[in-house]
């Protein structure tokens, strides 16, 4: 009986791996982007400490997988990079008046805040 249970468990794990493998790049892209954006907004917009954000916001139920993603906070450049090595990497950049935006590989430093709306009386 034990041998049967081990066999069924192994077959289920193999099936999950084979069926889930094509989704891994998309999940890695979403996870890296999410971690970079949330950390950037929390640190540069809200002024929170990264350790608190990781403990309170990015480790709640359903977010445990984000612990696999590394991150780097560049305080001088006001950006956060997050990655799952070998699969995905994203960078979020803080811009005054606009908040944080994922760069998607494009330079973001030159963008300026939109002009204030014109109000006519």
PDB file of N, CA and C in Angstrom:
ATOM      1  N   UNK A   1       0.830  -1.203   0.000  1.00  0.00           N
ATOM      2  CA  UNK A   1       0.000   0.000   0.000  1.00  0.00           C
ATOM      3  C   UNK A   1       0.874   1.267   0.000  1.00  0.00           C
ATOM      4  N   UNK A   2       1.916   1.260   0.824  1.00  0.00           N
ATOM      5  CA  UNK A   2       2.818   2.421   0.890  1.00  0.00           C
ATOM      6  C   UNK A   2       3.461   2.679  -0.465  1.00  0.00           C
ATOM      7  N   UNK A   3       3.840   1.622  -1.143  1.00  0.00           N
ATOM      8  CA  UNK A   3       4.469   1.758  -2.452  1.00  0.00           C
ATOM      9  C   UNK A   3       3.493   2.382  -3.461  1.00  0.00           C
ATOM     10  N   UNK A   4       2.246   2.016  -3.382  1.00  0.00           N
ATOM     11  CA  UNK A   4       1.211   2.569  -4.254  1.00  0.00           C
ATOM     12  C   UNK A   4       1.038   4.065  -4.011  1.00  0.00           C
ATOM     13  N   UNK A   5       0.993   4.478  -2.759  1.00  0.00           N
ATOM     14  CA  UNK A   5       0.816   5.899  -2.404  1.00  0.00           C
ATOM     15  C   UNK A   5       2.010   6.713  -2.880  1.00  0.00           C
ATOM     16  N   UNK A   6       3.217   6.174  -2.703  1.00  0.00           N
ATOM     17  CA  UNK A   6       4.419   6.869  -3.164  1.00  0.00           C
ATOM     18  C   UNK A   6       4.395   7.001  -4.685  1.00  0.00           C
ATOM     19  N   UNK A   7       3.973   5.974  -5.382  1.00  0.00           N
ATOM     20  CA  UNK A   7       3.883   6.011  -6.842  1.00  0.00           C
ATOM     21  C   UNK A   7       2.880   7.038  -7.338  1.00  0.00           C
ATOM     22  N   UNK A   8       1.710   7.071  -6.707  1.00  0.00           N
ATOM     23  CA  UNK A   8       0.680   8.045  -7.089  1.00  0.00           C
ATOM     24  C   UNK A   8       1.164   9.468  -6.818  1.00  0.00           C
ATOM     25  N   UNK A   9       1.807   9.671  -5.674  1.00  0.00           N
ATOM     26  CA  UNK A   9       2.333  10.995  -5.321  1.00  0.00           C
ATOM     27  C   UNK A   9       3.400  11.436  -6.326  1.00  0.00           C
ATOM     28  N   UNK A  10       4.290  10.528  -6.688  1.00  0.00           N
ATOM     29  CA  UNK A  10       5.341  10.853  -7.664  1.00  0.00           C
ATOM     30  C   UNK A  10       4.736  11.175  -9.026  1.00  0.00           C
ATOM     31  N   UNK A  11       3.736  10.407  -9.433  1.00  0.00           N
ATOM     32  CA  UNK A  11       3.084  10.656 -10.724  1.00  0.00           C
ATOM     33  C   UNK A  11       2.380  12.011 -10.725  1.00  0.00           C
ATOM     34  N   UNK A  12       1.729  12.358  -9.626  1.00  0.00           N
ATOM     35  CA  UNK A  12       1.042  13.648  -9.522  1.00  0.00           C
ATOM     36  C   UNK A  12       2.048  14.797  -9.564  1.00  0.00           C
ATOM     37  N   UNK A  13       3.171  14.631  -8.860  1.00  0.00           N
ATOM     38  CA  UNK A  13       4.201  15.681  -8.861  1.00  0.00           C
ATOM     39  C   UNK A  13       4.797  15.852 -10.256  1.00  0.00           C
ATOM     40  N   UNK A  14       5.043  14.748 -10.948  1.00  0.00           N
ATOM     41  CA  UNK A  14       5.576  14.821 -12.307  1.00  0.00           C
ATOM     42  C   UNK A  14       4.576  15.493 -13.255  1.00  0.00           C
ATOM     43  N   UNK A  15       3.316  15.143 -13.132  1.00  0.00           N
ATOM     44  CA  UNK A  15       2.276  15.753 -13.974  1.00  0.00           C
ATOM     45  C   UNK A  15       2.185  17.259 -13.716  1.00  0.00           C
ATOM     46  N   UNK A  16       2.241  17.653 -12.439  1.00  0.00           N
ATOM     47  CA  UNK A  16       2.190  19.080 -12.100  1.00  0.00           C
ATOM     48  C   UNK A  16       3.384  19.817 -12.691  1.00  0.00           C
ATOM     49  N   UNK A  17       4.551  19.199 -12.642  1.00  0.00           N
ATOM     50  CA  UNK A  17       5.754  19.818 -13.203  1.00  0.00           C
ATOM     51  C   UNK A  17       5.642  19.972 -14.716  1.00  0.00           C
ATOM     52  N   UNK A  18       5.207  18.921 -15.384  1.00  0.00           N
ATOM     53  CA  UNK A  18       5.097  18.960 -16.843  1.00  0.00           C
ATOM     54  C   UNK A  18       4.036  19.969 -17.287  1.00  0.00           C
ATOM     55  N   UNK A  19       2.904  19.984 -16.613  1.00  0.00           N
ATOM     56  CA  UNK A  19       1.827  20.894 -16.999  1.00  0.00           C
ATOM     57  C   UNK A  19       2.091  22.340 -16.573  1.00  0.00           C
ATOM     58  N   UNK A  20       2.816  22.531 -15.469  1.00  0.00           N
ATOM     59  CA  UNK A  20       3.068  23.875 -14.959  1.00  0.00           C
ATOM     60  C   UNK A  20       4.290  24.552 -15.532  1.00  0.00           C
ATOM     61  N   UNK A  21       5.214  23.780 -16.114  1.00  0.00           N
ATOM     62  CA  UNK A  21       6.464  24.347 -16.622  1.00  0.00           C
ATOM     63  C   UNK A  21       6.251  25.462 -17.653  1.00  0.00           C
ATOM     64  N   UNK A  22       5.307  25.330 -18.584  1.00  0.00           N
ATOM     65  CA  UNK A  22       5.118  26.426 -19.549  1.00  0.00           C
ATOM     66  C   UNK A  22       4.658  27.734 -18.906  1.00  0.00           C
ATOM     67  N   UNK A  23       4.053  27.662 -17.733  1.00  0.00           N
ATOM     68  CA  UNK A  23       3.570  28.873 -17.061  1.00  0.00           C
ATOM     69  C   UNK A  23       4.657  29.578 -16.258  1.00  0.00           C
ATOM     70  N   UNK A  24       5.744  28.892 -15.983  1.00  0.00           N
ATOM     71  CA  UNK A  24       6.786  29.441 -15.110  1.00  0.00           C
ATOM     72  C   UNK A  24       7.346  30.782 -15.575  1.00  0.00           C
ATOM     73  N   UNK A  25       7.679  30.977 -16.854  1.00  0.00           N
ATOM     74  CA  UNK A  25       8.190  32.298 -17.267  1.00  0.00           C
ATOM     75  C   UNK A  25       7.192  33.433 -17.028  1.00  0.00           C
ATOM     76  N   UNK A  26       5.930  33.200 -17.299  1.00  0.00           N
ATOM     77  CA  UNK A  26       4.917  34.240 -17.089  1.00  0.00           C
ATOM     78  C   UNK A  26       4.748  34.550 -15.607  1.00  0.00           C
ATOM     79  N   UNK A  27       4.771  33.519 -14.773  1.00  0.00           N
ATOM     80  CA  UNK A  27       4.657  33.717 -13.328  1.00  0.00           C
ATOM     81  C   UNK A  27       5.885  34.473 -12.814  1.00  0.00           C
ATOM     82  N   UNK A  28       7.066  34.135 -13.329  1.00  0.00           N
ATOM     83  CA  UNK A  28       8.293  34.814 -12.912  1.00  0.00           C
ATOM     84  C   UNK A  28       8.266  36.291 -13.316  1.00  0.00           C
ATOM     85  N   UNK A  29       7.791  36.589 -14.518  1.00  0.00           N
ATOM     86  CA  UNK A  29       7.675  37.984 -14.973  1.00  0.00           C
ATOM     87  C   UNK A  29       6.733  38.776 -14.076  1.00  0.00           C
ATOM     88  N   UNK A  30       5.578  38.208 -13.792  1.00  0.00           N
ATOM     89  CA  UNK A  30       4.599  38.896 -12.945  1.00  0.00           C
ATOM     90  C   UNK A  30       5.124  39.093 -11.532  1.00  0.00           C
ATOM     91  N   UNK A  31       5.763  38.085 -10.977  1.00  0.00           N
ATOM     92  CA  UNK A  31       6.288  38.181  -9.615  1.00  0.00           C
ATOM     93  C   UNK A  31       7.389  39.218  -9.481  1.00  0.00           C
ATOM     94  N   UNK A  32       8.312  39.249 -10.449  1.00  0.00           N
ATOM     95  CA  UNK A  32       9.408  40.234 -10.407  1.00  0.00           C
ATOM     96  C   UNK A  32       8.859  41.645 -10.538  1.00  0.00           C
ATOM     97  N   UNK A  33       7.930  41.843 -11.441  1.00  0.00           N
ATOM     98  CA  UNK A  33       7.337  43.166 -11.618  1.00  0.00           C
ATOM     99  C   UNK A  33       6.562  43.614 -10.393  1.00  0.00           C
ATOM    100  N   UNK A  34       5.805  42.703  -9.814  1.00  0.00           N
ATOM    101  CA  UNK A  34       5.002  43.033  -8.637  1.00  0.00           C
ATOM    102  C   UNK A  34       5.888  43.409  -7.454  1.00  0.00           C
ATOM    103  N   UNK A  35       6.928  42.608  -7.205  1.00  0.00           N
ATOM    104  CA  UNK A  35       7.799  42.891  -6.059  1.00  0.00           C
ATOM    105  C   UNK A  35       8.528  44.214  -6.243  1.00  0.00           C
ATOM    106  N   UNK A  36       9.024  44.487  -7.456  1.00  0.00           N
ATOM    107  CA  UNK A  36       9.727  45.751  -7.717  1.00  0.00           C
ATOM    108  C   UNK A  36       8.791  46.942  -7.522  1.00  0.00           C
ATOM    109  N   UNK A  37       7.590  46.857  -8.065  1.00  0.00           N
ATOM    110  CA  UNK A  37       6.638  47.981  -7.986  1.00  0.00           C
ATOM    111  C   UNK A  37       6.172  48.232  -6.562  1.00  0.00           C
ATOM    112  N   UNK A  38       5.815  47.184  -5.828  1.00  0.00           N
ATOM    113  CA  UNK A  38       5.323  47.356  -4.458  1.00  0.00           C
ATOM    114  C   UNK A  38       6.429  47.900  -3.557  1.00  0.00           C
ATOM    115  N   UNK A  39       7.636  47.363  -3.674  1.00  0.00           N
ATOM    116  CA  UNK A  39       8.740  47.875  -2.853  1.00  0.00           C
ATOM    117  C   UNK A  39       9.053  49.328  -3.215  1.00  0.00           C
ATOM    118  N   UNK A  40       9.067  49.652  -4.494  1.00  0.00           N
ATOM    119  CA  UNK A  40       9.360  51.025  -4.924  1.00  0.00           C
ATOM    120  C   UNK A  40       8.327  51.993  -4.361  1.00  0.00           C
ATOM    121  N   UNK A  41       7.056  51.691  -4.534  1.00  0.00           N
ATOM    122  CA  UNK A  41       6.003  52.585  -4.039  1.00  0.00           C
ATOM    123  C   UNK A  41       6.031  52.703  -2.521  1.00  0.00           C
ATOM    124  N   UNK A  42       6.261  51.591  -1.856  1.00  0.00           N
ATOM    125  CA  UNK A  42       6.268  51.607  -0.389  1.00  0.00           C
ATOM    126  C   UNK A  42       7.440  52.411   0.162  1.00  0.00           C
ATOM    127  N   UNK A  43       8.611  52.270  -0.452  1.00  0.00           N
ATOM    128  CA  UNK A  43       9.820  52.941   0.044  1.00  0.00           C
ATOM    129  C   UNK A  43       9.859  54.410  -0.372  1.00  0.00           C
ATOM    130  N   UNK A  44       9.646  54.695  -1.658  1.00  0.00           N
ATOM    131  CA  UNK A  44       9.851  56.051  -2.165  1.00  0.00           C
ATOM    132  C   UNK A  44       8.604  56.934  -2.134  1.00  0.00           C
ATOM    133  N   UNK A  45       7.420  56.355  -2.162  1.00  0.00           N
ATOM    134  CA  UNK A  45       6.200  57.160  -2.099  1.00  0.00           C
ATOM    135  C   UNK A  45       5.708  57.252  -0.655  1.00  0.00           C
ATOM    136  N   UNK A  46       5.648  56.103   0.021  1.00  0.00           N
ATOM    137  CA  UNK A  46       5.092  56.066   1.382  1.00  0.00           C
ATOM    138  C   UNK A  46       6.132  56.226   2.478  1.00  0.00           C
ATOM    139  N   UNK A  47       7.415  56.138   2.130  1.00  0.00           N
ATOM    140  CA  UNK A  47       8.474  56.321   3.123  1.00  0.00           C
ATOM    141  C   UNK A  47       8.603  55.179   4.119  1.00  0.00           C
ATOM    142  N   UNK A  48       8.204  53.984   3.737  1.00  0.00           N
ATOM    143  CA  UNK A  48       8.275  52.830   4.639  1.00  0.00           C
ATOM    144  C   UNK A  48       9.622  52.139   4.543  1.00  0.00           C
ATOM    145  N   UNK A  49       9.966  51.410   5.586  1.00  0.00           N
ATOM    146  CA  UNK A  49      11.200  50.632   5.599  1.00  0.00           C
ATOM    147  C   UNK A  49      10.978  49.331   4.827  1.00  0.00           C
ATOM    148  N   UNK A  50      11.947  48.941   3.988  1.00  0.00           N
ATOM    149  CA  UNK A  50      11.794  47.718   3.202  1.00  0.00           C
ATOM    150  C   UNK A  50      11.513  46.473   4.054  1.00  0.00           C
ATOM    151  N   UNK A  51      12.163  46.360   5.195  1.00  0.00           N
ATOM    152  CA  UNK A  51      11.956  45.179   6.040  1.00  0.00           C
ATOM    153  C   UNK A  51      10.497  45.051   6.482  1.00  0.00           C
ATOM    154  N   UNK A  52       9.870  46.178   6.788  1.00  0.00           N
ATOM    155  CA  UNK A  52       8.455  46.143   7.193  1.00  0.00           C
ATOM    156  C   UNK A  52       7.553  45.777   6.022  1.00  0.00           C
ATOM    157  N   UNK A  53       7.869  46.295   4.846  1.00  0.00           N
ATOM    158  CA  UNK A  53       7.070  45.975   3.658  1.00  0.00           C
ATOM    159  C   UNK A  53       7.155  44.474   3.373  1.00  0.00           C
ATOM    160  N   UNK A  54       8.362  43.940   3.440  1.00  0.00           N
ATOM    161  CA  UNK A  54       8.542  42.511   3.196  1.00  0.00           C
ATOM    162  C   UNK A  54       7.802  41.676   4.235  1.00  0.00           C
ATOM    163  N   UNK A  55       7.879  42.087   5.486  1.00  0.00           N
ATOM    164  CA  UNK A  55       7.243  41.320   6.567  1.00  0.00           C
ATOM    165  C   UNK A  55       5.730  41.465   6.587  1.00  0.00           C
ATOM    166  N   UNK A  56       5.233  42.655   6.299  1.00  0.00           N
ATOM    167  CA  UNK A  56       3.801  42.914   6.444  1.00  0.00           C
ATOM    168  C   UNK A  56       3.010  42.771   5.146  1.00  0.00           C
ATOM    169  N   UNK A  57       3.597  43.137   4.029  1.00  0.00           N
ATOM    170  CA  UNK A  57       2.840  43.173   2.779  1.00  0.00           C
ATOM    171  C   UNK A  57       3.178  42.030   1.825  1.00  0.00           C
ATOM    172  N   UNK A  58       4.442  41.666   1.751  1.00  0.00           N
ATOM    173  CA  UNK A  58       4.869  40.694   0.750  1.00  0.00           C
ATOM    174  C   UNK A  58       5.077  39.295   1.301  1.00  0.00           C
ATOM    175  N   UNK A  59       4.622  39.031   2.509  1.00  0.00           N
ATOM    176  CA  UNK A  59       4.728  37.674   3.048  1.00  0.00           C
ATOM    177  C   UNK A  59       3.386  37.163   3.555  1.00  0.00           C
ATOM    178  N   UNK A  60       2.327  37.872   3.229  1.00  0.00           N
ATOM    179  CA  UNK A  60       0.986  37.451   3.647  1.00  0.00           C
ATOM    180  C   UNK A  60       0.588  36.183   2.892  1.00  0.00           C
ATOM    181  N   UNK A  61      -0.497  35.568   3.320  1.00  0.00           N
ATOM    182  CA  UNK A  61      -0.995  34.371   2.645  1.00  0.00           C
ATOM    183  C   UNK A  61      -1.149  34.638   1.150  1.00  0.00           C
ATOM    184  N   UNK A  62      -0.645  33.742   0.351  1.00  0.00           N
ATOM    185  CA  UNK A  62      -0.733  33.886  -1.094  1.00  0.00           C
ATOM    186  C   UNK A  62       0.471  34.573  -1.718  1.00  0.00           C
ATOM    187  N   UNK A  63       1.330  35.175  -0.909  1.00  0.00           N
ATOM    188  CA  UNK A  63       2.498  35.893  -1.436  1.00  0.00           C
ATOM    189  C   UNK A  63       3.812  35.213  -1.059  1.00  0.00           C
ATOM    190  N   UNK A  64       3.764  34.015  -0.495  1.00  0.00           N
ATOM    191  CA  UNK A  64       4.980  33.351  -0.034  1.00  0.00           C
ATOM    192  C   UNK A  64       5.985  33.128  -1.162  1.00  0.00           C
ATOM    193  N   UNK A  65       5.508  32.919  -2.381  1.00  0.00           N
ATOM    194  CA  UNK A  65       6.412  32.673  -3.497  1.00  0.00           C
ATOM    195  C   UNK A  65       7.318  33.864  -3.771  1.00  0.00           C
ATOM    196  N   UNK A  66       6.892  35.072  -3.394  1.00  0.00           N
ATOM    197  CA  UNK A  66       7.710  36.260  -3.639  1.00  0.00           C
ATOM    198  C   UNK A  66       9.017  36.241  -2.855  1.00  0.00           C
ATOM    199  N   UNK A  67       9.102  35.391  -1.826  1.00  0.00           N
ATOM    200  CA  UNK A  67      10.347  35.270  -1.072  1.00  0.00           C
ATOM    201  C   UNK A  67      11.467  34.717  -1.950  1.00  0.00           C
ATOM    202  N   UNK A  68      11.131  34.031  -3.028  1.00  0.00           N
ATOM    203  CA  UNK A  68      12.134  33.482  -3.940  1.00  0.00           C
ATOM    204  C   UNK A  68      12.786  34.552  -4.813  1.00  0.00           C
ATOM    205  N   UNK A  69      12.136  35.707  -4.930  1.00  0.00           N
ATOM    206  CA  UNK A  69      12.630  36.774  -5.787  1.00  0.00           C
ATOM    207  C   UNK A  69      13.587  37.672  -5.010  1.00  0.00           C
ATOM    208  N   UNK A  70      14.768  37.880  -5.566  1.00  0.00           N
ATOM    209  CA  UNK A  70      15.712  38.799  -4.947  1.00  0.00           C
ATOM    210  C   UNK A  70      15.344  40.234  -5.296  1.00  0.00           C
ATOM    211  N   UNK A  71      15.908  41.179  -4.562  1.00  0.00           N
ATOM    212  CA  UNK A  71      15.627  42.586  -4.854  1.00  0.00           C
ATOM    213  C   UNK A  71      16.827  43.439  -4.491  1.00  0.00           C
ATOM    214  N   UNK A  72      16.884  44.607  -5.099  1.00  0.00           N
ATOM    215  CA  UNK A  72      17.942  45.575  -4.817  1.00  0.00           C
ATOM    216  C   UNK A  72      17.308  46.960  -4.839  1.00  0.00           C
ATOM    217  N   UNK A  73      17.518  47.712  -3.760  1.00  0.00           N
ATOM    218  CA  UNK A  73      16.983  49.066  -3.675  1.00  0.00           C
ATOM    219  C   UNK A  73      18.122  50.047  -3.899  1.00  0.00           C
ATOM    220  N   UNK A  74      17.980  50.876  -4.918  1.00  0.00           N
ATOM    221  CA  UNK A  74      18.961  51.909  -5.240  1.00  0.00           C
ATOM    222  C   UNK A  74      18.384  53.236  -4.750  1.00  0.00           C
ATOM    223  N   UNK A  75      18.767  53.630  -3.543  1.00  0.00           N
ATOM    224  CA  UNK A  75      18.206  54.852  -2.957  1.00  0.00           C
ATOM    225  C   UNK A  75      18.657  56.098  -3.716  1.00  0.00           C
ATOM    226  N   UNK A  76      19.895  56.102  -4.185  1.00  0.00           N
ATOM    227  CA  UNK A  76      20.387  57.265  -4.930  1.00  0.00           C
ATOM    228  C   UNK A  76      19.646  57.406  -6.265  1.00  0.00           C
ATOM    229  N   UNK A  77      19.420  56.294  -6.942  1.00  0.00           N
ATOM    230  CA  UNK A  77      18.723  56.327  -8.223  1.00  0.00           C
ATOM    231  C   UNK A  77      17.215  56.224  -8.091  1.00  0.00           C
ATOM    232  N   UNK A  78      16.740  56.093  -6.861  1.00  0.00           N
ATOM    233  CA  UNK A  78      15.320  55.971  -6.538  1.00  0.00           C
ATOM    234  C   UNK A  78      14.628  54.923  -7.414  1.00  0.00           C
ATOM    235  N   UNK A  79      15.189  53.700  -7.342  1.00  0.00           N
ATOM    236  CA  UNK A  79      14.612  52.595  -8.103  1.00  0.00           C
ATOM    237  C   UNK A  79      14.760  51.297  -7.316  1.00  0.00           C
ATOM    238  N   UNK A  80      13.966  50.314  -7.695  1.00  0.00           N
ATOM    239  CA  UNK A  80      14.028  48.991  -7.097  1.00  0.00           C
ATOM    240  C   UNK A  80      14.046  47.966  -8.228  1.00  0.00           C
ATOM    241  N   UNK A  81      14.971  47.022  -8.140  1.00  0.00           N
ATOM    242  CA  UNK A  81      15.033  45.920  -9.097  1.00  0.00           C
ATOM    243  C   UNK A  81      14.671  44.646  -8.354  1.00  0.00           C
ATOM    244  N   UNK A  82      13.927  43.769  -9.014  1.00  0.00           N
ATOM    245  CA  UNK A  82      13.575  42.473  -8.442  1.00  0.00           C
ATOM    246  C   UNK A  82      13.741  41.423  -9.522  1.00  0.00           C
ATOM    247  N   UNK A  83      14.167  40.220  -9.113  1.00  0.00           N
ATOM    248  CA  UNK A  83      14.391  39.187 -10.111  1.00  0.00           C
ATOM    249  C   UNK A  83      14.254  37.793  -9.529  1.00  0.00           C
ATOM    250  N   UNK A  84      13.968  36.878 -10.418  1.00  0.00           N
ATOM    251  CA  UNK A  84      14.062  35.450 -10.145  1.00  0.00           C
ATOM    252  C   UNK A  84      15.173  34.993 -11.076  1.00  0.00           C
ATOM    253  N   UNK A  85      16.371  34.772 -10.526  1.00  0.00           N
ATOM    254  CA  UNK A  85      17.557  34.533 -11.354  1.00  0.00           C
ATOM    255  C   UNK A  85      17.327  33.525 -12.478  1.00  0.00           C
ATOM    256  N   UNK A  86      17.719  33.940 -13.677  1.00  0.00           N
ATOM    257  CA  UNK A  86      17.616  33.085 -14.842  1.00  0.00           C
ATOM    258  C   UNK A  86      16.263  33.104 -15.530  1.00  0.00           C
ATOM    259  N   UNK A  87      15.254  33.718 -14.901  1.00  0.00           N
ATOM    260  CA  UNK A  87      13.918  33.698 -15.496  1.00  0.00           C
ATOM    261  C   UNK A  87      13.353  35.078 -15.791  1.00  0.00           C
ATOM    262  N   UNK A  88      13.461  36.004 -14.843  1.00  0.00           N
ATOM    263  CA  UNK A  88      12.823  37.304 -15.033  1.00  0.00           C
ATOM    264  C   UNK A  88      13.469  38.362 -14.150  1.00  0.00           C
ATOM    265  N   UNK A  89      13.456  39.587 -14.635  1.00  0.00           N
ATOM    266  CA  UNK A  89      13.941  40.728 -13.864  1.00  0.00           C
ATOM    267  C   UNK A  89      13.150  41.962 -14.269  1.00  0.00           C
ATOM    268  N   UNK A  90      12.821  42.789 -13.278  1.00  0.00           N
ATOM    269  CA  UNK A  90      12.112  44.041 -13.547  1.00  0.00           C
ATOM    270  C   UNK A  90      12.680  45.144 -12.667  1.00  0.00           C
ATOM    271  N   UNK A  91      12.495  46.378 -13.133  1.00  0.00           N
ATOM    272  CA  UNK A  91      12.960  47.554 -12.404  1.00  0.00           C
ATOM    273  C   UNK A  91      11.820  48.563 -12.338  1.00  0.00           C
ATOM    274  N   UNK A  92      11.567  49.068 -11.137  1.00  0.00           N
ATOM    275  CA  UNK A  92      10.580  50.123 -10.950  1.00  0.00           C
ATOM    276  C   UNK A  92      11.325  51.388 -10.564  1.00  0.00           C
ATOM    277  N   UNK A  93      10.949  52.500 -11.178  1.00  0.00           N
ATOM    278  CA  UNK A  93      11.636  53.775 -10.977  1.00  0.00           C
ATOM    279  C   UNK A  93      10.655  54.783 -10.396  1.00  0.00           C
ATOM    280  N   UNK A  94      11.104  55.502  -9.348  1.00  0.00           N
ATOM    281  CA  UNK A  94      10.292  56.569  -8.759  1.00  0.00           C
ATOM    282  C   UNK A  94      10.557  57.860  -9.512  1.00  0.00           C
ATOM    283  N   UNK A  95       9.477  58.564  -9.882  1.00  0.00           N
ATOM    284  CA  UNK A  95       9.590  59.868 -10.528  1.00  0.00           C
ATOM    285  C   UNK A  95       8.692  60.832  -9.773  1.00  0.00           C
ATOM    286  N   UNK A  96       9.254  61.938  -9.368  1.00  0.00           N
ATOM    287  CA  UNK A  96       8.536  62.961  -8.595  1.00  0.00           C
ATOM    288  C   UNK A  96       7.240  63.345  -9.302  1.00  0.00           C
ATOM    289  N   UNK A  97       6.163  63.336  -8.567  1.00  0.00           N
ATOM    290  CA  UNK A  97       4.873  63.712  -9.114  1.00  0.00           C
ATOM    291  C   UNK A  97       4.142  62.601  -9.841  1.00  0.00           C
ATOM    292  N   UNK A  98       4.834  61.503 -10.108  1.00  0.00           N
ATOM    293  CA  UNK A  98       4.226  60.389 -10.838  1.00  0.00           C
ATOM    294  C   UNK A  98       4.215  59.092 -10.045  1.00  0.00           C
ATOM    295  N   UNK A  99       5.061  58.976  -9.045  1.00  0.00           N
ATOM    296  CA  UNK A  99       5.152  57.722  -8.288  1.00  0.00           C
ATOM    297  C   UNK A  99       6.102  56.757  -8.960  1.00  0.00           C
ATOM    298  N   UNK A 100       5.857  55.474  -8.770  1.00  0.00           N
ATOM    299  CA  UNK A 100       6.738  54.436  -9.306  1.00  0.00           C
ATOM    300  C   UNK A 100       6.119  53.791 -10.541  1.00  0.00           C
ATOM    301  N   UNK A 101       6.971  53.509 -11.502  1.00  0.00           N
ATOM    302  CA  UNK A 101       6.545  52.897 -12.753  1.00  0.00           C
ATOM    303  C   UNK A 101       7.534  51.810 -13.132  1.00  0.00           C
ATOM    304  N   UNK A 102       7.043  50.678 -13.633  1.00  0.00           N
ATOM    305  CA  UNK A 102       7.937  49.649 -14.153  1.00  0.00           C
ATOM    306  C   UNK A 102       8.547  50.154 -15.450  1.00  0.00           C
ATOM    307  N   UNK A 103       9.852  50.007 -15.568  1.00  0.00           N
ATOM    308  CA  UNK A 103      10.542  50.567 -16.731  1.00  0.00           C
ATOM    309  C   UNK A 103      10.446  49.689 -17.972  1.00  0.00           C
ATOM    310  N   UNK A 104      10.237  48.398 -17.828  1.00  0.00           N
ATOM    311  CA  UNK A 104      10.177  47.462 -18.957  1.00  0.00           C
ATOM    312  C   UNK A 104      11.375  47.630 -19.876  1.00  0.00           C
ATOM    313  N   UNK A 105      12.549  47.898 -19.276  1.00  0.00           N
ATOM    314  CA  UNK A 105      13.780  48.007 -20.039  1.00  0.00           C
ATOM    315  C   UNK A 105      14.012  49.343 -20.709  1.00  0.00           C
ATOM    316  N   UNK A 106      13.099  50.280 -20.561  1.00  0.00           N
ATOM    317  CA  UNK A 106      13.254  51.595 -21.184  1.00  0.00           C
ATOM    318  C   UNK A 106      13.791  52.591 -20.162  1.00  0.00           C
ATOM    319  N   UNK A 107      14.550  53.599 -20.608  1.00  0.00           N
ATOM    320  CA  UNK A 107      15.014  54.619 -19.671  1.00  0.00           C
ATOM    321  C   UNK A 107      13.837  55.449 -19.169  1.00  0.00           C
ATOM    322  N   UNK A 108      13.800  55.688 -17.877  1.00  0.00           N
ATOM    323  CA  UNK A 108      12.680  56.416 -17.276  1.00  0.00           C
ATOM    324  C   UNK A 108      13.114  57.737 -16.666  1.00  0.00           C
ATOM    325  N   UNK A 109      14.388  57.974 -16.549  1.00  0.00           N
ATOM    326  CA  UNK A 109      14.885  59.136 -15.818  1.00  0.00           C
ATOM    327  C   UNK A 109      14.488  60.471 -16.449  1.00  0.00           C
ATOM    328  N   UNK A 110      14.287  60.529 -17.751  1.00  0.00           N
ATOM    329  CA  UNK A 110      14.019  61.806 -18.413  1.00  0.00           C
ATOM    330  C   UNK A 110      12.565  62.237 -18.358  1.00  0.00           C
ATOM    331  N   UNK A 111      11.694  61.340 -18.004  1.00  0.00           N
ATOM    332  CA  UNK A 111      10.267  61.686 -17.987  1.00  0.00           C
ATOM    333  C   UNK A 111       9.967  62.679 -16.879  1.00  0.00           C
ATOM    334  N   UNK A 112       9.133  63.624 -17.174  1.00  0.00           N
ATOM    335  CA  UNK A 112       8.755  64.647 -16.200  1.00  0.00           C
ATOM    336  C   UNK A 112       7.286  64.467 -15.827  1.00  0.00           C
ATOM    337  N   UNK A 113       6.912  65.076 -14.745  1.00  0.00           N
ATOM    338  CA  UNK A 113       5.517  65.030 -14.311  1.00  0.00           C
ATOM    339  C   UNK A 113       4.671  65.771 -15.336  1.00  0.00           C
ATOM    340  N   UNK A 114       3.437  65.328 -15.509  1.00  0.00           N
ATOM    341  CA  UNK A 114       2.560  66.030 -16.455  1.00  0.00           C
ATOM    342  C   UNK A 114       2.263  67.448 -15.967  1.00  0.00           C
ATOM    343  N   UNK A 115       1.981  68.359 -16.885  1.00  0.00           N
ATOM    344  CA  UNK A 115       1.692  69.717 -16.464  1.00  0.00           C
ATOM    345  C   UNK A 115       0.373  69.776 -15.658  1.00  0.00           C
ATOM    346  N   UNK A 116       0.294  70.751 -14.808  1.00  0.00           N
ATOM    347  CA  UNK A 116      -0.924  70.921 -14.000  1.00  0.00           C
ATOM    348  C   UNK A 116      -2.079  71.296 -14.926  1.00  0.00           C
ATOM    349  N   UNK A 117      -3.278  70.807 -14.616  1.00  0.00           N
ATOM    350  CA  UNK A 117      -4.412  71.135 -15.478  1.00  0.00           C
ATOM    351  C   UNK A 117      -4.730  72.631 -15.432  1.00  0.00           C
ATOM    352  N   UNK A 118      -5.182  73.145 -16.553  1.00  0.00           N
ATOM    353  CA  UNK A 118      -5.554  74.555 -16.650  1.00  0.00           C
ATOM    354  C   UNK A 118      -7.014  74.687 -16.213  1.00  0.00           C
ATOM    355  N   UNK A 119      -7.241  75.581 -15.266  1.00  0.00           N
ATOM    356  CA  UNK A 119      -8.599  75.811 -14.770  1.00  0.00           C
ATOM    357  C   UNK A 119      -9.031  77.184 -15.222  1.00  0.00           C
ATOM    358  N   UNK A 120     -10.127  77.244 -15.952  1.00  0.00           N
ATOM    359  CA  UNK A 120     -10.610  78.564 -16.377  1.00  0.00           C
ATOM    360  C   UNK A 120     -11.833  78.935 -15.540  1.00  0.00           C
ATOM    361  N   UNK A 121     -11.947  80.200 -15.258  1.00  0.00           N
ATOM    362  CA  UNK A 121     -13.056  80.715 -14.428  1.00  0.00           C
ATOM    363  C   UNK A 121     -14.028  81.505 -15.223  1.00  0.00           C
TER     364      UNK A 121
END
